[in-house]
C-alpha atoms as a PDB file:
ATOM      1  CA  MET A   1       0.000   0.000   0.000  1.00  0.00           C
ATOM      2  CA  LYS A   2       3.045   2.293  -0.192  1.00  0.00           C
ATOM      3  CA  LYS A   3       1.803   4.230  -3.223  1.00  0.00           C
ATOM      4  CA  LEU A   4      -1.616   4.763  -1.654  1.00  0.00           C
ATOM      5  CA  LEU A   5      -0.072   6.127   1.530  1.00  0.00           C
ATOM      6  CA  LEU A   6       1.975   8.499  -0.596  1.00  0.00           C
ATOM      7  CA  LEU A   7      -1.226   9.771  -2.147  1.00  0.00           C
ATOM      8  CA  LEU A   8      -2.858  10.394   1.204  1.00  0.00           C
ATOM      9  CA  SER A   9       0.143  12.318   2.498  1.00  0.00           C
ATOM     10  CA  LEU A  10       0.412  14.748  -0.412  1.00  0.00           C
ATOM     11  CA  PRO A  11      -1.369  18.127  -0.331  1.00  0.00           C
ATOM     12  CA  VAL A  12      -3.759  19.128  -3.085  1.00  0.00           C
ATOM     13  CA  PHE A  13      -4.806  22.538  -4.361  1.00  0.00           C
ATOM     14  CA  THR A  14      -7.823  23.665  -2.344  1.00  0.00           C
ATOM     15  CA  GLY A  15      -8.510  27.241  -3.296  1.00  0.00           C
ATOM     16  CA  VAL A  16     -11.143  29.184  -1.361  1.00  0.00           C
ATOM     17  CA  ILE A  17     -14.030  30.913  -3.084  1.00  0.00           C
ATOM     18  CA  SER A  18     -16.995  32.791  -1.727  1.00  0.00           C
ATOM     19  CA  SER A  19     -19.696  31.093  -3.774  1.00  0.00           C
ATOM     20  CA  GLN A  20     -20.214  28.083  -5.983  1.00  0.00           C
ATOM     21  CA  ASN A  21     -20.211  28.630  -9.749  1.00  0.00           C
ATOM     22  CA  VAL A  22     -20.936  26.456 -12.781  1.00  0.00           C
ATOM     23  CA  ARG A  23     -18.020  26.280 -15.228  1.00  0.00           C
ATOM     24  CA  THR A  24     -18.458  24.481 -18.567  1.00  0.00           C
ATOM     25  CA  SER A  25     -15.706  23.614 -21.033  1.00  0.00           C
ATOM     26  CA  ILE A  26     -15.963  25.108 -24.540  1.00  0.00           C
ATOM     27  CA  ALA A  27     -12.707  23.763 -26.061  1.00  0.00           C
ATOM     28  CA  ASP A  28      -9.939  21.219 -25.611  1.00  0.00           C
ATOM     29  CA  GLY A  29      -6.909  22.311 -23.597  1.00  0.00           C
ATOM     30  CA  LEU A  30      -5.215  22.735 -20.247  1.00  0.00           C
ATOM     31  CA  GLY A  31      -7.450  23.041 -17.209  1.00  0.00           C
ATOM     32  CA  THR A  32      -5.615  26.242 -16.213  1.00  0.00           C
ATOM     33  CA  ASN A  33      -6.265  27.928 -19.568  1.00  0.00           C
ATOM     34  CA  PRO A  34      -9.175  30.380 -19.035  1.00  0.00           C
ATOM     35  CA  PHE A  35     -10.101  30.220 -22.722  1.00  0.00           C
ATOM     36  CA  VAL A  36     -11.271  26.604 -22.510  1.00  0.00           C
ATOM     37  CA  TRP A  37     -14.045  27.623 -20.057  1.00  0.00           C
ATOM     38  CA  ASP A  38     -17.269  29.517 -20.773  1.00  0.00           C
ATOM     39  CA  CYS A  39     -16.459  32.071 -18.059  1.00  0.00           C
ATOM     40  CA  THR A  40     -13.036  32.948 -19.557  1.00  0.00           C
ATOM     41  CA  CYS A  41     -11.722  32.307 -16.068  1.00  0.00           C
ATOM     42  CA  LEU A  42     -10.229  29.502 -14.003  1.00  0.00           C
ATOM     43  CA  PRO A  43     -12.478  26.927 -12.309  1.00  0.00           C
ATOM     44  CA  PHE A  44     -11.851  26.596  -8.594  1.00  0.00           C
ATOM     45  CA  PRO A  45     -12.321  23.669  -6.250  1.00  0.00           C
ATOM     46  CA  ASN A  46     -15.944  23.598  -5.059  1.00  0.00           C
ATOM     47  CA  ASP A  47     -17.234  25.017  -8.354  1.00  0.00           C
ATOM     48  CA  SER A  48     -19.514  22.761 -10.388  1.00  0.00           C
ATOM     49  CA  ILE A  49     -17.332  21.865 -13.356  1.00  0.00           C
ATOM     50  CA  ILE A  50     -18.865  20.364 -16.492  1.00  0.00           C
ATOM     51  CA  ILE A  51     -16.402  18.844 -18.961  1.00  0.00           C
ATOM     52  CA  ASN A  52     -17.563  18.282 -22.552  1.00  0.00           C
ATOM     53  CA  HIS A  53     -14.105  18.400 -24.140  1.00  0.00           C
ATOM     54  CA  ASN A  54     -10.615  16.932 -23.682  1.00  0.00           C
ATOM     55  CA  ILE A  55      -9.212  18.680 -20.621  1.00  0.00           C
ATOM     56  CA  THR A  56      -5.686  18.145 -19.300  1.00  0.00           C
ATOM     57  CA  LEU A  57      -5.458  18.342 -15.507  1.00  0.00           C
ATOM     58  CA  ASN A  58      -2.186  20.233 -15.002  1.00  0.00           C
ATOM     59  CA  VAL A  59      -2.646  21.152 -11.325  1.00  0.00           C
ATOM     60  CA  ASP A  60      -3.430  19.043  -8.251  1.00  0.00           C
ATOM     61  CA  PHE A  61      -7.130  19.400  -7.462  1.00  0.00           C
ATOM     62  CA  GLY A  62      -9.111  18.862  -4.241  1.00  0.00           C
ATOM     63  CA  PHE A  63     -12.892  19.186  -3.740  1.00  0.00           C
ATOM     64  CA  THR A  64     -14.956  19.415  -0.554  1.00  0.00           C
ATOM     65  CA  ASP A  65     -18.122  20.677  -2.273  1.00  0.00           C
ATOM     66  CA  GLY A  66     -19.408  21.250  -5.794  1.00  0.00           C
ATOM     67  CA  ALA A  67     -19.066  18.714  -8.572  1.00  0.00           C
ATOM     68  CA  VAL A  68     -17.046  17.463 -11.501  1.00  0.00           C
ATOM     69  CA  VAL A  69     -19.130  16.051 -14.360  1.00  0.00           C
ATOM     70  CA  ILE A  70     -17.391  14.505 -17.383  1.00  0.00           C
ATOM     71  CA  ASN A  71     -19.779  14.033 -20.301  1.00  0.00           C
ATOM     72  CA  ALA A  72     -19.006  11.750 -23.253  1.00  0.00           C
ATOM     73  CA  PRO A  73     -16.921  12.177 -25.307  1.00  0.00           C
ATOM     74  CA  GLY A  74     -15.141  14.509 -22.887  1.00  0.00           C
ATOM     75  CA  SER A  75     -12.120  13.532 -20.835  1.00  0.00           C
ATOM     76  CA  LEU A  76     -10.038  14.619 -17.845  1.00  0.00           C
ATOM     77  CA  ILE A  77      -6.442  13.409 -18.212  1.00  0.00           C
ATOM     78  CA  GLY A  78      -3.601  14.083 -15.774  1.00  0.00           C
ATOM     79  CA  ASP A  79      -0.481  15.615 -17.295  1.00  0.00           C
ATOM     80  CA  THR A  80       2.125  13.794 -15.162  1.00  0.00           C
ATOM     81  CA  PRO A  81       2.493  10.458 -13.329  1.00  0.00           C
ATOM     82  CA  ASN A  82       2.383  12.439 -10.059  1.00  0.00           C
ATOM     83  CA  ARG A  83      -0.885  14.319 -10.560  1.00  0.00           C
ATOM     84  CA  ASN A  84      -3.356  14.256  -7.609  1.00  0.00           C
ATOM     85  CA  PHE A  85      -7.161  14.395  -7.599  1.00  0.00           C
ATOM     86  CA  ALA A  86      -9.138  14.215  -4.331  1.00  0.00           C
ATOM     87  CA  PHE A  87     -12.779  14.464  -3.177  1.00  0.00           C
ATOM     88  CA  SER A  88     -14.215  14.735   0.347  1.00  0.00           C
ATOM     89  CA  ASN A  89     -17.228  15.927   2.339  1.00  0.00           C
ATOM     90  CA  SER A  90     -20.197  16.569  -0.021  1.00  0.00           C
ATOM     91  CA  ALA A  91     -18.385  16.804  -3.369  1.00  0.00           C
ATOM     92  CA  ASN A  92     -19.944  14.954  -6.327  1.00  0.00           C
ATOM     93  CA  PHE A  93     -18.145  13.139  -9.139  1.00  0.00           C
ATOM     94  CA  ILE A  94     -19.888  11.852 -12.284  1.00  0.00           C
ATOM     95  CA  ASN A  95     -17.996  10.334 -15.201  1.00  0.00           C
ATOM     96  CA  HIS A  96     -19.706   9.521 -18.501  1.00  0.00           C
ATOM     97  CA  GLY A  97     -16.523  10.007 -20.518  1.00  0.00           C
ATOM     98  CA  ASN A  98     -12.878   9.219 -19.817  1.00  0.00           C
ATOM     99  CA  PHE A  99     -10.953   9.868 -16.584  1.00  0.00           C
ATOM    100  CA  ASP A 100      -7.238   9.108 -16.160  1.00  0.00           C
ATOM    101  CA  VAL A 101      -5.314  10.739 -13.281  1.00  0.00           C
ATOM    102  CA  ALA A 102      -2.404   9.120 -11.435  1.00  0.00           C
ATOM    103  CA  ARG A 103      -3.240   9.475  -7.721  1.00  0.00           C
ATOM    104  CA  VAL A 104      -6.918   9.544  -6.817  1.00  0.00           C
ATOM    105  CA  ALA A 105      -8.657   9.628  -3.436  1.00  0.00           C
ATOM    106  CA  PHE A 106     -12.363   9.819  -2.558  1.00  0.00           C
ATOM    107  CA  ALA A 107     -12.703  10.440   1.181  1.00  0.00           C
ATOM    108  CA  GLY A 108     -16.387  11.338   1.090  1.00  0.00           C
ATOM    109  CA  GLY A 109     -19.058  12.784  -1.158  1.00  0.00           C
ATOM    110  CA  SER A 110     -20.590  10.716  -3.943  1.00  0.00           C
ATOM    111  CA  ALA A 111     -19.174   9.186  -7.099  1.00  0.00           C
ATOM    112  CA  MET A 112     -20.354   7.230 -10.104  1.00  0.00           C
ATOM    113  CA  SER A 113     -18.727   6.252 -13.382  1.00  0.00           C
ATOM    114  CA  ASP A 114     -20.241   4.609 -16.442  1.00  0.00           C
ATOM    115  CA  GLY A 115     -17.369   5.741 -18.666  1.00  0.00           C
ATOM    116  CA  THR A 116     -13.746   4.588 -18.511  1.00  0.00           C
ATOM    117  CA  PHE A 117     -11.778   5.252 -15.319  1.00  0.00           C
ATOM    118  CA  ALA A 118      -8.030   4.832 -14.797  1.00  0.00           C
ATOM    119  CA  ALA A 119      -5.600   5.709 -12.018  1.00  0.00           C
ATOM    120  CA  ASP A 120      -2.233   4.574 -10.716  1.00  0.00           C
ATOM    121  CA  SER A 121      -3.254   4.571  -7.035  1.00  0.00           C
ATOM    122  CA  PHE A 122      -6.883   4.630  -5.856  1.00  0.00           C
ATOM    123  CA  TYR A 123      -8.411   5.128  -2.401  1.00  0.00           C
ATOM    124  CA  THR A 124     -12.151   5.217  -1.614  1.00  0.00           C
ATOM    125  CA  ASN A 125     -14.004   5.936   1.606  1.00  0.00           C
ATOM    126  CA  ILE A 126     -17.552   6.798   0.539  1.00  0.00           C
ATOM    127  CA  ASN A 127     -20.119   5.712   3.098  1.00  0.00           C
ATOM    128  CA  SER A 128     -23.353   6.867   1.468  1.00  0.00           C
ATOM    129  CA  THR A 129     -26.140   4.363   0.835  1.00  0.00           C
ATOM    130  CA  ALA A 130     -25.212   4.132  -2.843  1.00  0.00           C
ATOM    131  CA  GLY A 131     -21.444   4.154  -2.306  1.00  0.00           C
ATOM    132  CA  TRP A 132     -18.874   4.594  -5.088  1.00  0.00           C
ATOM    133  CA  VAL A 133     -20.721   3.110  -8.087  1.00  0.00           C
ATOM    134  CA  SER A 134     -19.040   1.975 -11.298  1.00  0.00           C
ATOM    135  CA  THR A 135     -20.907   0.472 -14.237  1.00  0.00           C
ATOM    136  CA  GLY A 136     -17.978   1.173 -16.570  1.00  0.00           C
ATOM    137  CA  ASP A 137     -14.555  -0.452 -16.757  1.00  0.00           C
ATOM    138  CA  MET A 138     -11.813   0.584 -14.336  1.00  0.00           C
ATOM    139  CA  ASP A 139      -8.042   0.091 -14.587  1.00  0.00           C
ATOM    140  CA  ILE A 140      -5.906   0.731 -11.483  1.00  0.00           C
ATOM    141  CA  THR A 141      -2.220   0.391 -12.386  1.00  0.00           C
ATOM    142  CA  TYR A 142      -0.899  -0.201  -8.865  1.00  0.00           C
ATOM    143  CA  SER A 143      -2.934  -0.370  -5.647  1.00  0.00           C
ATOM    144  CA  TYR A 144      -6.560   0.036  -4.601  1.00  0.00           C
ATOM    145  CA  TRP A 145      -7.690   0.465  -0.986  1.00  0.00           C
ATOM    146  CA  ASN A 146     -11.399   0.591  -0.122  1.00  0.00           C
ATOM    147  CA  THR A 147     -12.508   1.563   3.388  1.00  0.00           C
ATOM    148  CA  GLY A 148     -16.097   2.526   2.512  1.00  0.00           C
ATOM    149  CA  LYS A 149     -18.712   1.150   0.135  1.00  0.00           C
ATOM    150  CA  PHE A 150     -17.774   0.369  -3.459  1.00  0.00           C
ATOM    151  CA  VAL A 151     -20.160  -1.159  -6.012  1.00  0.00           C
ATOM    152  CA  LEU A 152     -19.051  -2.680  -9.328  1.00  0.00           C
ATOM    153  CA  GLY A 153     -22.012  -3.162 -11.648  1.00  0.00           C
ATOM    154  CA  ASN A 154     -22.962  -6.105 -13.815  1.00  0.00           C
ATOM    155  CA  GLY A 155     -20.790  -6.358 -16.924  1.00  0.00           C
ATOM    156  CA  ALA A 156     -18.141  -3.939 -15.627  1.00  0.00           C
ATOM    157  CA  GLU A 157     -14.486  -4.893 -15.135  1.00  0.00           C
ATOM    158  CA  LEU A 158     -12.086  -3.713 -12.426  1.00  0.00           C
ATOM    159  CA  ILE A 159      -8.426  -4.575 -12.982  1.00  0.00           C
ATOM    160  CA  VAL A 160      -5.924  -3.876 -10.188  1.00  0.00           C
ATOM    161  CA  GLY A 161      -2.329  -4.199 -11.357  1.00  0.00           C
ATOM    162  CA  ASP A 162      -0.830  -4.744  -7.910  1.00  0.00           C
ATOM    163  CA  ASN A 163      -2.472  -5.056  -4.462  1.00  0.00           C
ATOM    164  CA  PHE A 164      -6.119  -4.678  -3.433  1.00  0.00           C
ATOM    165  CA  TYR A 165      -7.272  -4.302   0.177  1.00  0.00           C
ATOM    166  CA  ASN A 166     -10.922  -4.095   1.238  1.00  0.00           C
ATOM    167  CA  GLY A 167     -11.201  -3.050   4.877  1.00  0.00           C
ATOM    168  CA  ASP A 168      -9.816  -1.047   7.803  1.00  0.00           C
ATOM    169  CA  SER A 169     -12.660   0.085  10.057  1.00  0.00           C
ATOM    170  CA  LEU A 170     -10.144   1.894  12.303  1.00  0.00           C
ATOM    171  CA  ILE A 171      -9.775   4.563   9.616  1.00  0.00           C
ATOM    172  CA  SER A 172     -13.221   4.629   8.054  1.00  0.00           C
ATOM    173  CA  GLY A 173     -15.244   4.318  11.239  1.00  0.00           C
ATOM    174  CA  VAL A 174     -17.569   1.843   9.510  1.00  0.00           C
ATOM    175  CA  ASN A 175     -17.156  -1.523   7.890  1.00  0.00           C
ATOM    176  CA  ALA A 176     -15.911  -1.577   4.317  1.00  0.00           C
ATOM    177  CA  VAL A 177     -18.337  -3.138   1.865  1.00  0.00           C
ATOM    178  CA  LEU A 178     -17.228  -4.253  -1.581  1.00  0.00           C
ATOM    179  CA  VAL A 179     -20.115  -5.298  -3.833  1.00  0.00           C
ATOM    180  CA  SER A 180     -19.063  -6.937  -7.083  1.00  0.00           C
ATOM    181  CA  ASP A 181     -21.678  -7.906  -9.626  1.00  0.00           C
ATOM    182  CA  GLY A 182     -19.041  -7.495 -12.332  1.00  0.00           C
ATOM    183  CA  ALA A 183     -15.553  -8.949 -12.765  1.00  0.00           C
ATOM    184  CA  ILE A 184     -12.474  -8.135 -10.648  1.00  0.00           C
ATOM    185  CA  ARG A 185      -8.914  -9.112 -11.543  1.00  0.00           C
ATOM    186  CA  VAL A 186      -6.136  -8.603  -8.978  1.00  0.00           C
ATOM    187  CA  ASN A 187      -2.660  -9.152 -10.402  1.00  0.00           C
ATOM    188  CA  GLY A 188      -1.007  -8.832  -6.969  1.00  0.00           C
ATOM    189  CA  ASP A 189      -2.169  -9.646  -3.438  1.00  0.00           C
ATOM    190  CA  PHE A 190      -5.745  -9.393  -2.155  1.00  0.00           C
ATOM    191  CA  ALA A 191      -6.986  -9.035   1.417  1.00  0.00           C
ATOM    192  CA  ASN A 192     -10.503  -8.674   2.819  1.00  0.00           C
ATOM    193  CA  SER A 193     -11.108  -7.773   6.454  1.00  0.00           C
ATOM    194  CA  ASP A 194     -14.713  -6.605   6.183  1.00  0.00           C
ATOM    195  CA  THR A 195     -17.417  -7.590   3.666  1.00  0.00           C
ATOM    196  CA  LEU A 196     -17.106  -8.777   0.078  1.00  0.00           C
ATOM    197  CA  LYS A 197     -20.330  -9.790  -1.647  1.00  0.00           C
ATOM    198  CA  GLY A 198     -22.171  -9.851  -4.966  1.00  0.00           C
ATOM    199  CA  SER A 199     -22.853 -12.098  -7.927  1.00  0.00           C
ATOM    200  CA  GLY A 200     -19.739 -11.496 -10.030  1.00  0.00           C
ATOM    201  CA  GLN A 201     -16.269 -12.989 -10.366  1.00  0.00           C
ATOM    202  CA  VAL A 202     -13.007 -12.295  -8.495  1.00  0.00           C
ATOM    203  CA  CYS A 203      -9.731 -13.616  -9.946  1.00  0.00           C
ATOM    204  CA  ILE A 204      -6.532 -13.256  -7.901  1.00  0.00           C
ATOM    205  CA  TYR A 205      -2.979 -13.851  -9.154  1.00  0.00           C
ATOM    206  CA  GLY A 206      -1.027 -13.198  -5.926  1.00  0.00           C
ATOM    207  CA  SER A 207      -1.503 -14.147  -2.288  1.00  0.00           C
ATOM    208  CA  SER A 208      -4.982 -13.797  -0.777  1.00  0.00           C
ATOM    209  CA  VAL A 209      -6.393 -13.733   2.728  1.00  0.00           C
ATOM    210  CA  ASN A 210      -9.874 -13.323   4.183  1.00  0.00           C
ATOM    211  CA  ILE A 211     -10.445 -12.323   7.810  1.00  0.00           C
ATOM    212  CA  GLY A 212     -13.869 -10.858   7.116  1.00  0.00           C
ATOM    213  CA  VAL A 213     -16.977 -12.096   5.311  1.00  0.00           C
ATOM    214  CA  ILE A 214     -17.284 -13.246   1.707  1.00  0.00           C
ATOM    215  CA  THR A 215     -20.867 -13.920   0.716  1.00  0.00           C
ATOM    216  CA  GLY A 216     -23.419 -13.843  -2.087  1.00  0.00           C
ATOM    217  CA  THR A 217     -23.017 -15.896  -5.247  1.00  0.00           C
ATOM    218  CA  LEU A 218     -19.501 -14.731  -6.077  1.00  0.00           C
ATOM    219  CA  ASP A 219     -17.148 -16.973  -8.018  1.00  0.00           C
ATOM    220  CA  MET A 220     -13.806 -16.652  -6.181  1.00  0.00           C
ATOM    221  CA  CYS A 221     -10.627 -17.987  -7.769  1.00  0.00           C
ATOM    222  CA  ASP A 222      -7.097 -17.640  -6.427  1.00  0.00           C
ATOM    223  CA  ASN A 223      -4.872 -18.787  -9.268  1.00  0.00           C
ATOM    224  CA  THR A 224      -1.843 -19.393  -7.034  1.00  0.00           C
ATOM    225  CA  GLY A 225      -3.610 -22.077  -5.050  1.00  0.00           C
ATOM    226  CA  GLY A 226      -6.656 -22.935  -7.092  1.00  0.00           C
ATOM    227  CA  GLY A 227      -9.083 -22.230  -4.262  1.00  0.00           C
ATOM    228  CA  GLN A 228     -11.268 -19.358  -3.158  1.00  0.00           C
ATOM    229  CA  VAL A 229      -8.450 -17.725  -1.152  1.00  0.00           C
ATOM    230  CA  ASP A 230      -5.044 -18.881   0.096  1.00  0.00           C
ATOM    231  CA  PHE A 231      -5.803 -18.228   3.761  1.00  0.00           C
ATOM    232  CA  ASN A 232      -9.279 -17.982   5.279  1.00  0.00           C
ATOM    233  CA  PHE A 233      -9.607 -16.839   8.892  1.00  0.00           C
ATOM    234  CA  GLY A 234     -13.082 -15.383   8.426  1.00  0.00           C
ATOM    235  CA  THR A 235     -16.342 -16.591   6.898  1.00  0.00           C
ATOM    236  CA  ILE A 236     -16.998 -17.694   3.324  1.00  0.00           C
ATOM    237  CA  SER A 237     -20.644 -18.532   2.623  1.00  0.00           C
ATOM    238  CA  GLY A 238     -21.567 -21.850   1.070  1.00  0.00           C
ATOM    239  CA  THR A 239     -23.137 -19.971  -1.855  1.00  0.00           C
ATOM    240  CA  VAL A 240     -19.689 -18.715  -2.946  1.00  0.00           C
ATOM    241  CA  THR A 241     -18.296 -20.910  -5.743  1.00  0.00           C
ATOM    242  CA  THR A 242     -14.697 -21.790  -6.570  1.00  0.00           C
ATOM    243  CA  CYS A 243     -13.164 -21.171 -10.024  1.00  0.00           C
ATOM    244  CA  VAL A 244     -16.333 -22.092 -11.925  1.00  0.00           C
ATOM    245  CA  ALA A 245     -15.765 -19.557 -14.696  1.00  0.00           C
ATOM    246  CA  PRO A 246     -12.408 -19.213 -16.512  1.00  0.00           C
ATOM    247  CA  CYS A 247     -10.271 -16.258 -15.383  1.00  0.00           C
ATOM    248  CA  ASN A 248     -10.139 -14.282 -18.634  1.00  0.00           C
ATOM    249  CA  ILE A 249     -10.884 -10.842 -17.175  1.00  0.00           C
ATOM    250  CA  GLY A 250      -9.093  -8.153 -19.133  1.00  0.00           C
ATOM    251  CA  ILE A 251      -7.293 -10.438 -21.571  1.00  0.00           C
ATOM    252  CA  ASN A 252      -9.026  -8.826 -24.552  1.00  0.00           C
ATOM    253  CA  ASP A 253      -8.650  -5.212 -23.415  1.00  0.00           C
ATOM    254  CA  PHE A 254      -5.885  -4.411 -25.854  1.00  0.00           C
ATOM    255  CA  GLU A 255      -7.078  -6.563 -28.760  1.00  0.00           C
ATOM    256  CA  THR A 256     -10.501  -5.093 -29.453  1.00  0.00           C
ATOM    257  CA  ILE A 257      -9.099  -1.710 -30.513  1.00  0.00           C
ATOM    258  CA  SER A 258      -7.036  -3.141 -33.450  1.00  0.00           C
ATOM    259  CA  LEU A 259      -4.381  -0.430 -33.197  1.00  0.00           C
ATOM    260  CA  GLU A 260      -1.267   0.005 -35.347  1.00  0.00           C
ATOM    261  CA  VAL A 261       1.427   2.568 -34.524  1.00  0.00           C
ATOM    262  CA  TYR A 262       4.140   3.180 -37.153  1.00  0.00           C
ATOM    263  CA  PRO A 263       6.878   3.915 -38.100  1.00  0.00           C
ATOM    264  CA  ASN A 264       8.431   3.110 -34.768  1.00  0.00           C
ATOM    265  CA  PRO A 265      11.212   4.248 -34.291  1.00  0.00           C
ATOM    266  CA  SER A 266      10.116   7.595 -35.746  1.00  0.00           C
ATOM    267  CA  THR A 267      12.082  10.488 -37.203  1.00  0.00           C
ATOM    268  CA  ASP A 268       9.510  13.103 -38.205  1.00  0.00           C
ATOM    269  CA  LEU A 269       6.029  11.615 -37.780  1.00  0.00           C
ATOM    270  CA  ILE A 270       4.123   8.774 -36.154  1.00  0.00           C
ATOM    271  CA  GLN A 271       0.874   7.297 -37.476  1.00  0.00           C
ATOM    272  CA  PHE A 272      -1.973   5.808 -35.425  1.00  0.00           C
ATOM    273  CA  GLU A 273      -4.322   3.524 -37.344  1.00  0.00           C
ATOM    274  CA  SER A 274      -7.442   1.951 -35.861  1.00  0.00           C
ATOM    275  CA  ASP A 275     -10.924   0.811 -36.801  1.00  0.00           C
ATOM    276  CA  TRP A 276     -12.427   3.218 -34.279  1.00  0.00           C
ATOM    277  CA  GLU A 277     -12.506   6.858 -33.280  1.00  0.00           C
ATOM    278  CA  MET A 278      -9.871   7.277 -30.614  1.00  0.00           C
ATOM    279  CA  GLU A 279      -8.217   9.679 -28.218  1.00  0.00           C
ATOM    280  CA  VAL A 280      -4.403   9.703 -28.184  1.00  0.00           C
ATOM    281  CA  VAL A 281      -2.337  10.972 -25.236  1.00  0.00           C
ATOM    282  CA  ILE A 282       1.486  10.989 -25.405  1.00  0.00           C
ATOM    283  CA  PHE A 283       3.983  11.710 -22.590  1.00  0.00           C
ATOM    284  CA  ASP A 284       7.751  12.053 -22.520  1.00  0.00           C
ATOM    285  CA  MET A 285       9.836  10.069 -20.015  1.00  0.00           C
ATOM    286  CA  MET A 286       9.573  12.903 -17.458  1.00  0.00           C
ATOM    287  CA  GLY A 287       5.794  12.562 -17.497  1.00  0.00           C
ATOM    288  CA  LYS A 288       5.198  15.788 -19.464  1.00  0.00           C
ATOM    289  CA  LEU A 289       2.232  15.780 -21.839  1.00  0.00           C
ATOM    290  CA  VAL A 290       3.502  16.358 -25.397  1.00  0.00           C
ATOM    291  CA  HIS A 291       0.363  15.523 -27.386  1.00  0.00           C
ATOM    292  CA  GLN A 292      -3.363  15.017 -26.878  1.00  0.00           C
ATOM    293  CA  SER A 293      -5.995  14.764 -29.585  1.00  0.00           C
ATOM    294  CA  THR A 294      -9.236  13.052 -30.493  1.00  0.00           C
ATOM    295  CA  ILE A 295      -8.998  11.310 -33.849  1.00  0.00           C
ATOM    296  CA  PRO A 296     -12.408  10.825 -35.531  1.00  0.00           C
ATOM    297  CA  TYR A 297     -11.054   8.732 -38.390  1.00  0.00           C
ATOM    298  CA  GLN A 298      -9.022   5.595 -38.976  1.00  0.00           C
ATOM    299  CA  LEU A 299      -5.591   7.011 -39.852  1.00  0.00           C
ATOM    300  CA  HIS A 300      -3.920   9.997 -38.217  1.00  0.00           C
ATOM    301  CA  SER A 301      -0.375  11.360 -38.485  1.00  0.00           C
ATOM    302  CA  ILE A 302       1.297  13.209 -35.623  1.00  0.00           C
ATOM    303  CA  SER A 303       4.413  15.285 -36.260  1.00  0.00           C
ATOM    304  CA  THR A 304       7.395  14.429 -34.073  1.00  0.00           C
ATOM    305  CA  ILE A 305       9.840  16.857 -35.700  1.00  0.00           C
ATOM    306  CA  GLU A 306      10.057  19.144 -32.662  1.00  0.00           C
ATOM    307  CA  TRP A 307      10.323  16.293 -30.141  1.00  0.00           C
ATOM    308  CA  SER A 308      13.662  15.544 -28.536  1.00  0.00           C
ATOM    309  CA  ALA A 309      15.200  12.161 -29.232  1.00  0.00           C
ATOM    310  CA  GLY A 310      14.143   9.569 -26.678  1.00  0.00           C
ATOM    311  CA  ILE A 311      11.367   7.262 -25.544  1.00  0.00           C
ATOM    312  CA  TYR A 312       7.730   8.387 -25.231  1.00  0.00           C
ATOM    313  CA  THR A 313       4.695   6.559 -23.872  1.00  0.00           C
ATOM    314  CA  TYR A 314       1.203   6.684 -25.344  1.00  0.00           C
ATOM    315  CA  LYS A 315      -2.293   5.786 -24.198  1.00  0.00           C
ATOM    316  CA  VAL A 316      -5.184   5.339 -26.606  1.00  0.00           C
ATOM    317  CA  TYR A 317      -8.850   5.294 -25.604  1.00  0.00           C
ATOM    318  CA  SER A 318     -11.934   4.353 -27.591  1.00  0.00           C
ATOM    319  CA  ASP A 319     -15.446   3.086 -26.949  1.00  0.00           C
ATOM    320  CA  HIS A 320     -14.180  -0.392 -27.904  1.00  0.00           C
ATOM    321  CA  GLY A 321     -11.085  -0.658 -25.739  1.00  0.00           C
ATOM    322  CA  THR A 322      -7.795   0.914 -24.725  1.00  0.00           C
ATOM    323  CA  ALA A 323      -4.154   0.466 -25.664  1.00  0.00           C
ATOM    324  CA  SER A 324      -0.788   1.730 -24.509  1.00  0.00           C
ATOM    325  CA  GLY A 325       2.798   1.445 -25.621  1.00  0.00           C
ATOM    326  CA  LYS A 326       6.071   3.237 -26.312  1.00  0.00           C
ATOM    327  CA  ILE A 327       7.366   5.342 -29.179  1.00  0.00           C
ATOM    328  CA  VAL A 328      11.058   5.825 -29.939  1.00  0.00           C
ATOM    329  CA  LYS A 329      12.004   9.209 -31.489  1.00  0.00           C
ATOM    330  CA  GLN A 330      15.367   9.117 -33.245  1.00  0.00           C
END
C-alpha cells in the first residue's frame, strides 16, 4: 500500500471561493487555460465543473463541495504520473466520458462512473447508501484500498495491477463493503477484512487472505492455489463458488481496438491507425504531456519533428477498448 499512503500524504490545491459557480468547457486544452471555459476564467475547487471536451489536468485538485461532471466524449487526463485528484465531504463526481489521473482519493461525497476510469493509485471511503458506483470499466495500475462502500455493476471490469485491500474500520469508522456484480482481476495480493459480496467474479494472481466475510453468489478464484483464497480466517458462505468460470478478465482489453502505430522508431512523424474513433495521449519520459488529440477517423499522423530524441509513452482510448505502448524518437 506504499503508493496509496503516498497519495494520502500529499497536499492538493484547495482554493477558497466565496460562492459556488458552474463552469463548462468550450474547447480542448489545459485546465488552467481560461479560454477553454465559458467564463473565460479559471475553475476553482468547489465550483460545479462540467467537462464536454478533452481537458488536461495540469494542477493538483481537491474538492470538498461542488461537482465534476465529465460528459461523453469529454475527458479529464492528468499531465504527469504524479498528478493528484481528491474528493471529500459533499463533493460529487460523475464520469460519462474518460478519466485518467495518477493518484486519486475519494474520502467522502458521492461518485459514479459509467465511462472509462483509470488511475495509478486509488483510495475510496464513501459511506453513502449508494457508495462509489461503477458500471464502466476501471483500470488501477498499482494499488486500490477501499474503506467505505464500493459497487461494481454487472458487466463492468475492475483490474488492479498490484495489491487490493478491502477493509480497515479503524480509519473509516464503519465496515468496508465491496459489492461486485461485475468482474475483478487482482494481479497482486488481495486481502478482505470486512465484507465482500455480490454475484460477479473475483480472480486473484497473488496471495490472498480473508479475515472478514465473503458472501453472495460470487465466483472466487485464487490462481496461485486454485481455491477461493489462500488463507481464510473469516467466513466464506456456502453460496460462494470456486473457479467455476475461466479467469479471462481483461485479456481482450488491448485486442478489441485493433491499433497500429508506425513507423516506430520515428524520425519526423508517427501514425496511429485503428478501426475506431480514438483519443491519443502521449507523454515524454519525465511525465510531461507532449500531445493530446481526439482522432475521428481511422488514420492519423502526428508530427514528431520538434520532439527531442528519446522514448515516449502513449495511451489510446476508444469506446471499444484501450491500448498503450512506447514510441522511440530518433
